[in-house]
Amino acid sequence: MSTADHVAQLTEKHHQIEEKIENELASPSADHVHISELKREKLRIKERISTLSAEGKVTH
């Protein structure tokens, strides 16, 4: 899998997690612990995307 493909997959997962967060926040009985976990996962993915993107620029 190329770096670009991996970044694209991570970006899609990032968007999916954002949707989950928005749906959870819209719920009257929002689980704030779960929301925090989703936000941490989203941040980890964003950091991974940044790392891969930076590595891709260095190797080209």
PDB file of N, CA and C in Angstrom:
ATOM      1  N   MET A   1       0.848  -1.174   0.000  1.00  0.00           N
ATOM      2  CA  MET A   1       0.000   0.000   0.000  1.00  0.00           C
ATOM      3  C   MET A   1       0.892   1.236   0.000  1.00  0.00           C
ATOM      4  N   SER A   2       0.579   2.169  -0.856  1.00  0.00           N
ATOM      5  CA  SER A   2       1.369   3.393  -0.918  1.00  0.00           C
ATOM      6  C   SER A   2       1.021   4.294   0.265  1.00  0.00           C
ATOM      7  N   THR A   3       1.902   5.233   0.527  1.00  0.00           N
ATOM      8  CA  THR A   3       1.668   6.188   1.601  1.00  0.00           C
ATOM      9  C   THR A   3       0.402   6.990   1.328  1.00  0.00           C
ATOM     10  N   ALA A   4       0.201   7.387   0.083  1.00  0.00           N
ATOM     11  CA  ALA A   4      -0.991   8.159  -0.280  1.00  0.00           C
ATOM     12  C   ALA A   4      -2.264   7.358  -0.008  1.00  0.00           C
ATOM     13  N   ASP A   5      -2.244   6.071  -0.308  1.00  0.00           N
ATOM     14  CA  ASP A   5      -3.403   5.217  -0.046  1.00  0.00           C
ATOM     15  C   ASP A   5      -3.672   5.112   1.452  1.00  0.00           C
ATOM     16  N   HIS A   6      -2.590   4.953   2.206  1.00  0.00           N
ATOM     17  CA  HIS A   6      -2.716   4.833   3.658  1.00  0.00           C
ATOM     18  C   HIS A   6      -3.274   6.132   4.254  1.00  0.00           C
ATOM     19  N   VAL A   7      -2.771   7.255   3.783  1.00  0.00           N
ATOM     20  CA  VAL A   7      -3.263   8.555   4.251  1.00  0.00           C
ATOM     21  C   VAL A   7      -4.740   8.705   3.897  1.00  0.00           C
ATOM     22  N   ALA A   8      -5.124   8.276   2.706  1.00  0.00           N
ATOM     23  CA  ALA A   8      -6.527   8.369   2.292  1.00  0.00           C
ATOM     24  C   ALA A   8      -7.422   7.525   3.207  1.00  0.00           C
ATOM     25  N   GLN A   9      -6.969   6.330   3.555  1.00  0.00           N
ATOM     26  CA  GLN A   9      -7.744   5.470   4.451  1.00  0.00           C
ATOM     27  C   GLN A   9      -7.860   6.096   5.835  1.00  0.00           C
ATOM     28  N   LEU A  10      -6.758   6.635   6.328  1.00  0.00           N
ATOM     29  CA  LEU A  10      -6.784   7.276   7.636  1.00  0.00           C
ATOM     30  C   LEU A  10      -7.679   8.508   7.631  1.00  0.00           C
ATOM     31  N   THR A  11      -7.659   9.253   6.543  1.00  0.00           N
ATOM     32  CA  THR A  11      -8.506  10.437   6.427  1.00  0.00           C
ATOM     33  C   THR A  11      -9.977  10.043   6.463  1.00  0.00           C
ATOM     34  N   GLU A  12     -10.321   8.979   5.778  1.00  0.00           N
ATOM     35  CA  GLU A  12     -11.702   8.490   5.793  1.00  0.00           C
ATOM     36  C   GLU A  12     -12.099   8.063   7.205  1.00  0.00           C
ATOM     37  N   LYS A  13     -11.221   7.357   7.894  1.00  0.00           N
ATOM     38  CA  LYS A  13     -11.506   6.927   9.262  1.00  0.00           C
ATOM     39  C   LYS A  13     -11.672   8.150  10.164  1.00  0.00           C
ATOM     40  N   HIS A  14     -10.854   9.168   9.950  1.00  0.00           N
ATOM     41  CA  HIS A  14     -10.931  10.413  10.716  1.00  0.00           C
ATOM     42  C   HIS A  14     -12.320  11.042  10.545  1.00  0.00           C
ATOM     43  N   HIS A  15     -12.811  11.078   9.317  1.00  0.00           N
ATOM     44  CA  HIS A  15     -14.133  11.633   9.033  1.00  0.00           C
ATOM     45  C   HIS A  15     -15.244  10.790   9.680  1.00  0.00           C
ATOM     46  N   GLN A  16     -15.087   9.483   9.656  1.00  0.00           N
ATOM     47  CA  GLN A  16     -16.081   8.605  10.263  1.00  0.00           C
ATOM     48  C   GLN A  16     -16.161   8.836  11.770  1.00  0.00           C
ATOM     49  N   ILE A  17     -15.006   9.008  12.391  1.00  0.00           N
ATOM     50  CA  ILE A  17     -14.988   9.261  13.832  1.00  0.00           C
ATOM     51  C   ILE A  17     -15.627  10.615  14.136  1.00  0.00           C
ATOM     52  N   GLU A  18     -15.366  11.604  13.296  1.00  0.00           N
ATOM     53  CA  GLU A  18     -15.991  12.919  13.482  1.00  0.00           C
ATOM     54  C   GLU A  18     -17.506  12.799  13.438  1.00  0.00           C
ATOM     55  N   GLU A  19     -18.023  11.999  12.522  1.00  0.00           N
ATOM     56  CA  GLU A  19     -19.468  11.781  12.435  1.00  0.00           C
ATOM     57  C   GLU A  19     -19.999  11.104  13.691  1.00  0.00           C
ATOM     58  N   LYS A  20     -19.262  10.121  14.195  1.00  0.00           N
ATOM     59  CA  LYS A  20     -19.673   9.442  15.430  1.00  0.00           C
ATOM     60  C   LYS A  20     -19.733  10.430  16.590  1.00  0.00           C
ATOM     61  N   ILE A  21     -18.737  11.311  16.667  1.00  0.00           N
ATOM     62  CA  ILE A  21     -18.704  12.314  17.735  1.00  0.00           C
ATOM     63  C   ILE A  21     -19.915  13.234  17.622  1.00  0.00           C
ATOM     64  N   GLU A  22     -20.178  13.714  16.416  1.00  0.00           N
ATOM     65  CA  GLU A  22     -21.323  14.610  16.208  1.00  0.00           C
ATOM     66  C   GLU A  22     -22.639  13.922  16.570  1.00  0.00           C
ATOM     67  N   ASN A  23     -22.785  12.665  16.184  1.00  0.00           N
ATOM     68  CA  ASN A  23     -24.005  11.918  16.506  1.00  0.00           C
ATOM     69  C   ASN A  23     -24.154  11.737  18.012  1.00  0.00           C
ATOM     70  N   GLU A  24     -23.054  11.431  18.661  1.00  0.00           N
ATOM     71  CA  GLU A  24     -23.089  11.237  20.114  1.00  0.00           C
ATOM     72  C   GLU A  24     -23.433  12.546  20.827  1.00  0.00           C
ATOM     73  N   LEU A  25     -22.855  13.653  20.368  1.00  0.00           N
ATOM     74  CA  LEU A  25     -23.140  14.949  20.981  1.00  0.00           C
ATOM     75  C   LEU A  25     -24.595  15.372  20.783  1.00  0.00           C
ATOM     76  N   ALA A  26     -25.196  14.926  19.692  1.00  0.00           N
ATOM     77  CA  ALA A  26     -26.589  15.271  19.406  1.00  0.00           C
ATOM     78  C   ALA A  26     -27.565  14.467  20.258  1.00  0.00           C
ATOM     79  N   SER A  27     -27.085  13.404  20.839  1.00  0.00           N
ATOM     80  CA  SER A  27     -27.936  12.550  21.656  1.00  0.00           C
ATOM     81  C   SER A  27     -28.197  13.207  23.018  1.00  0.00           C
ATOM     82  N   PRO A  28     -29.444  13.149  23.489  1.00  0.00           N
ATOM     83  CA  PRO A  28     -29.746  13.731  24.806  1.00  0.00           C
ATOM     84  C   PRO A  28     -29.006  13.019  25.946  1.00  0.00           C
ATOM     85  N   SER A  29     -28.678  11.774  25.725  1.00  0.00           N
ATOM     86  CA  SER A  29     -27.959  11.014  26.755  1.00  0.00           C
ATOM     87  C   SER A  29     -26.523  10.736  26.299  1.00  0.00           C
ATOM     88  N   ALA A  30     -25.843  11.777  25.852  1.00  0.00           N
ATOM     89  CA  ALA A  30     -24.486  11.643  25.317  1.00  0.00           C
ATOM     90  C   ALA A  30     -23.557  11.035  26.366  1.00  0.00           C
ATOM     91  N   ASP A  31     -22.769  10.076  25.931  1.00  0.00           N
ATOM     92  CA  ASP A  31     -21.778   9.421  26.786  1.00  0.00           C
ATOM     93  C   ASP A  31     -20.466  10.187  26.634  1.00  0.00           C
ATOM     94  N   HIS A  32     -20.181  11.054  27.592  1.00  0.00           N
ATOM     95  CA  HIS A  32     -19.024  11.931  27.480  1.00  0.00           C
ATOM     96  C   HIS A  32     -17.695  11.184  27.585  1.00  0.00           C
ATOM     97  N   VAL A  33     -17.697  10.056  28.254  1.00  0.00           N
ATOM     98  CA  VAL A  33     -16.483   9.232  28.304  1.00  0.00           C
ATOM     99  C   VAL A  33     -16.200   8.669  26.919  1.00  0.00           C
ATOM    100  N   HIS A  34     -17.239   8.170  26.272  1.00  0.00           N
ATOM    101  CA  HIS A  34     -17.081   7.624  24.921  1.00  0.00           C
ATOM    102  C   HIS A  34     -16.653   8.726  23.949  1.00  0.00           C
ATOM    103  N   ILE A  35     -17.241   9.906  24.088  1.00  0.00           N
ATOM    104  CA  ILE A  35     -16.871  11.036  23.230  1.00  0.00           C
ATOM    105  C   ILE A  35     -15.399  11.365  23.406  1.00  0.00           C
ATOM    106  N   SER A  36     -14.917  11.361  24.640  1.00  0.00           N
ATOM    107  CA  SER A  36     -13.500  11.635  24.905  1.00  0.00           C
ATOM    108  C   SER A  36     -12.604  10.589  24.261  1.00  0.00           C
ATOM    109  N   GLU A  37     -13.018   9.333  24.330  1.00  0.00           N
ATOM    110  CA  GLU A  37     -12.246   8.255  23.694  1.00  0.00           C
ATOM    111  C   GLU A  37     -12.197   8.454  22.180  1.00  0.00           C
ATOM    112  N   LEU A  38     -13.332   8.806  21.603  1.00  0.00           N
ATOM    113  CA  LEU A  38     -13.377   9.042  20.157  1.00  0.00           C
ATOM    114  C   LEU A  38     -12.489  10.216  19.769  1.00  0.00           C
ATOM    115  N   LYS A  39     -12.504  11.263  20.561  1.00  0.00           N
ATOM    116  CA  LYS A  39     -11.666  12.426  20.268  1.00  0.00           C
ATOM    117  C   LYS A  39     -10.187  12.080  20.355  1.00  0.00           C
ATOM    118  N   ARG A  40      -9.816  11.254  21.339  1.00  0.00           N
ATOM    119  CA  ARG A  40      -8.408  10.829  21.437  1.00  0.00           C
ATOM    120  C   ARG A  40      -8.010   9.997  20.229  1.00  0.00           C
ATOM    121  N   GLU A  41      -8.896   9.084  19.801  1.00  0.00           N
ATOM    122  CA  GLU A  41      -8.613   8.269  18.622  1.00  0.00           C
ATOM    123  C   GLU A  41      -8.482   9.148  17.378  1.00  0.00           C
ATOM    124  N   LYS A  42      -9.368  10.120  17.264  1.00  0.00           N
ATOM    125  CA  LYS A  42      -9.326  11.042  16.129  1.00  0.00           C
ATOM    126  C   LYS A  42      -8.010  11.815  16.109  1.00  0.00           C
ATOM    127  N   LEU A  43      -7.555  12.250  17.273  1.00  0.00           N
ATOM    128  CA  LEU A  43      -6.287  12.971  17.368  1.00  0.00           C
ATOM    129  C   LEU A  43      -5.113  12.079  16.983  1.00  0.00           C
ATOM    130  N   ARG A  44      -5.125  10.827  17.444  1.00  0.00           N
ATOM    131  CA  ARG A  44      -4.045   9.889  17.074  1.00  0.00           C
ATOM    132  C   ARG A  44      -3.993   9.699  15.562  1.00  0.00           C
ATOM    133  N   ILE A  45      -5.152   9.578  14.941  1.00  0.00           N
ATOM    134  CA  ILE A  45      -5.211   9.413  13.483  1.00  0.00           C
ATOM    135  C   ILE A  45      -4.688  10.663  12.793  1.00  0.00           C
ATOM    136  N   LYS A  46      -5.089  11.834  13.283  1.00  0.00           N
ATOM    137  CA  LYS A  46      -4.626  13.086  12.690  1.00  0.00           C
ATOM    138  C   LYS A  46      -3.106  13.202  12.786  1.00  0.00           C
ATOM    139  N   GLU A  47      -2.548  12.826  13.933  1.00  0.00           N
ATOM    140  CA  GLU A  47      -1.094  12.868  14.098  1.00  0.00           C
ATOM    141  C   GLU A  47      -0.410  11.889  13.151  1.00  0.00           C
ATOM    142  N   ARG A  48      -1.010  10.715  12.964  1.00  0.00           N
ATOM    143  CA  ARG A  48      -0.442   9.710  12.051  1.00  0.00           C
ATOM    144  C   ARG A  48      -0.479  10.218  10.612  1.00  0.00           C
ATOM    145  N   ILE A  49      -1.578  10.872  10.244  1.00  0.00           N
ATOM    146  CA  ILE A  49      -1.691  11.445   8.901  1.00  0.00           C
ATOM    147  C   ILE A  49      -0.593  12.489   8.702  1.00  0.00           C
ATOM    148  N   SER A  50      -0.402  13.343   9.690  1.00  0.00           N
ATOM    149  CA  SER A  50       0.634  14.379   9.599  1.00  0.00           C
ATOM    150  C   SER A  50       2.017  13.765   9.452  1.00  0.00           C
ATOM    151  N   THR A  51       2.285  12.738  10.222  1.00  0.00           N
ATOM    152  CA  THR A  51       3.587  12.063  10.150  1.00  0.00           C
ATOM    153  C   THR A  51       3.810  11.442   8.781  1.00  0.00           C
ATOM    154  N   LEU A  52       2.800  10.718   8.295  1.00  0.00           N
ATOM    155  CA  LEU A  52       2.936  10.076   6.988  1.00  0.00           C
ATOM    156  C   LEU A  52       3.082  11.107   5.876  1.00  0.00           C
ATOM    157  N   SER A  53       2.332  12.182   5.980  1.00  0.00           N
ATOM    158  CA  SER A  53       2.411  13.234   4.969  1.00  0.00           C
ATOM    159  C   SER A  53       3.803  13.870   4.961  1.00  0.00           C
ATOM    160  N   ALA A  54       4.338  14.115   6.139  1.00  0.00           N
ATOM    161  CA  ALA A  54       5.684  14.703   6.236  1.00  0.00           C
ATOM    162  C   ALA A  54       6.734  13.740   5.686  1.00  0.00           C
ATOM    163  N   GLU A  55       6.595  12.469   6.003  1.00  0.00           N
ATOM    164  CA  GLU A  55       7.539  11.470   5.503  1.00  0.00           C
ATOM    165  C   GLU A  55       7.460  11.383   3.979  1.00  0.00           C
ATOM    166  N   GLY A  56       6.259  11.442   3.452  1.00  0.00           N
ATOM    167  CA  GLY A  56       6.067  11.378   2.007  1.00  0.00           C
ATOM    168  C   GLY A  56       6.742  12.535   1.308  1.00  0.00           C
ATOM    169  N   LYS A  57       6.696  13.709   1.905  1.00  0.00           N
ATOM    170  CA  LYS A  57       7.324  14.895   1.304  1.00  0.00           C
ATOM    171  C   LYS A  57       8.839  14.786   1.355  1.00  0.00           C
ATOM    172  N   VAL A  58       9.365  14.160   2.390  1.00  0.00           N
ATOM    173  CA  VAL A  58      10.815  14.025   2.542  1.00  0.00           C
ATOM    174  C   VAL A  58      11.370  13.044   1.521  1.00  0.00           C
ATOM    175  N   THR A  59      10.635  11.965   1.241  1.00  0.00           N
ATOM    176  CA  THR A  59      11.162  10.925   0.362  1.00  0.00           C
ATOM    177  C   THR A  59      10.984  11.244  -1.123  1.00  0.00           C
ATOM    178  N   HIS A  60      10.173  12.244  -1.463  1.00  0.00           N
ATOM    179  CA  HIS A  60       9.938  12.554  -2.870  1.00  0.00           C
ATOM    180  C   HIS A  60      10.885  13.591  -3.375  1.00  0.00           C
TER     181      HIS A  60
END
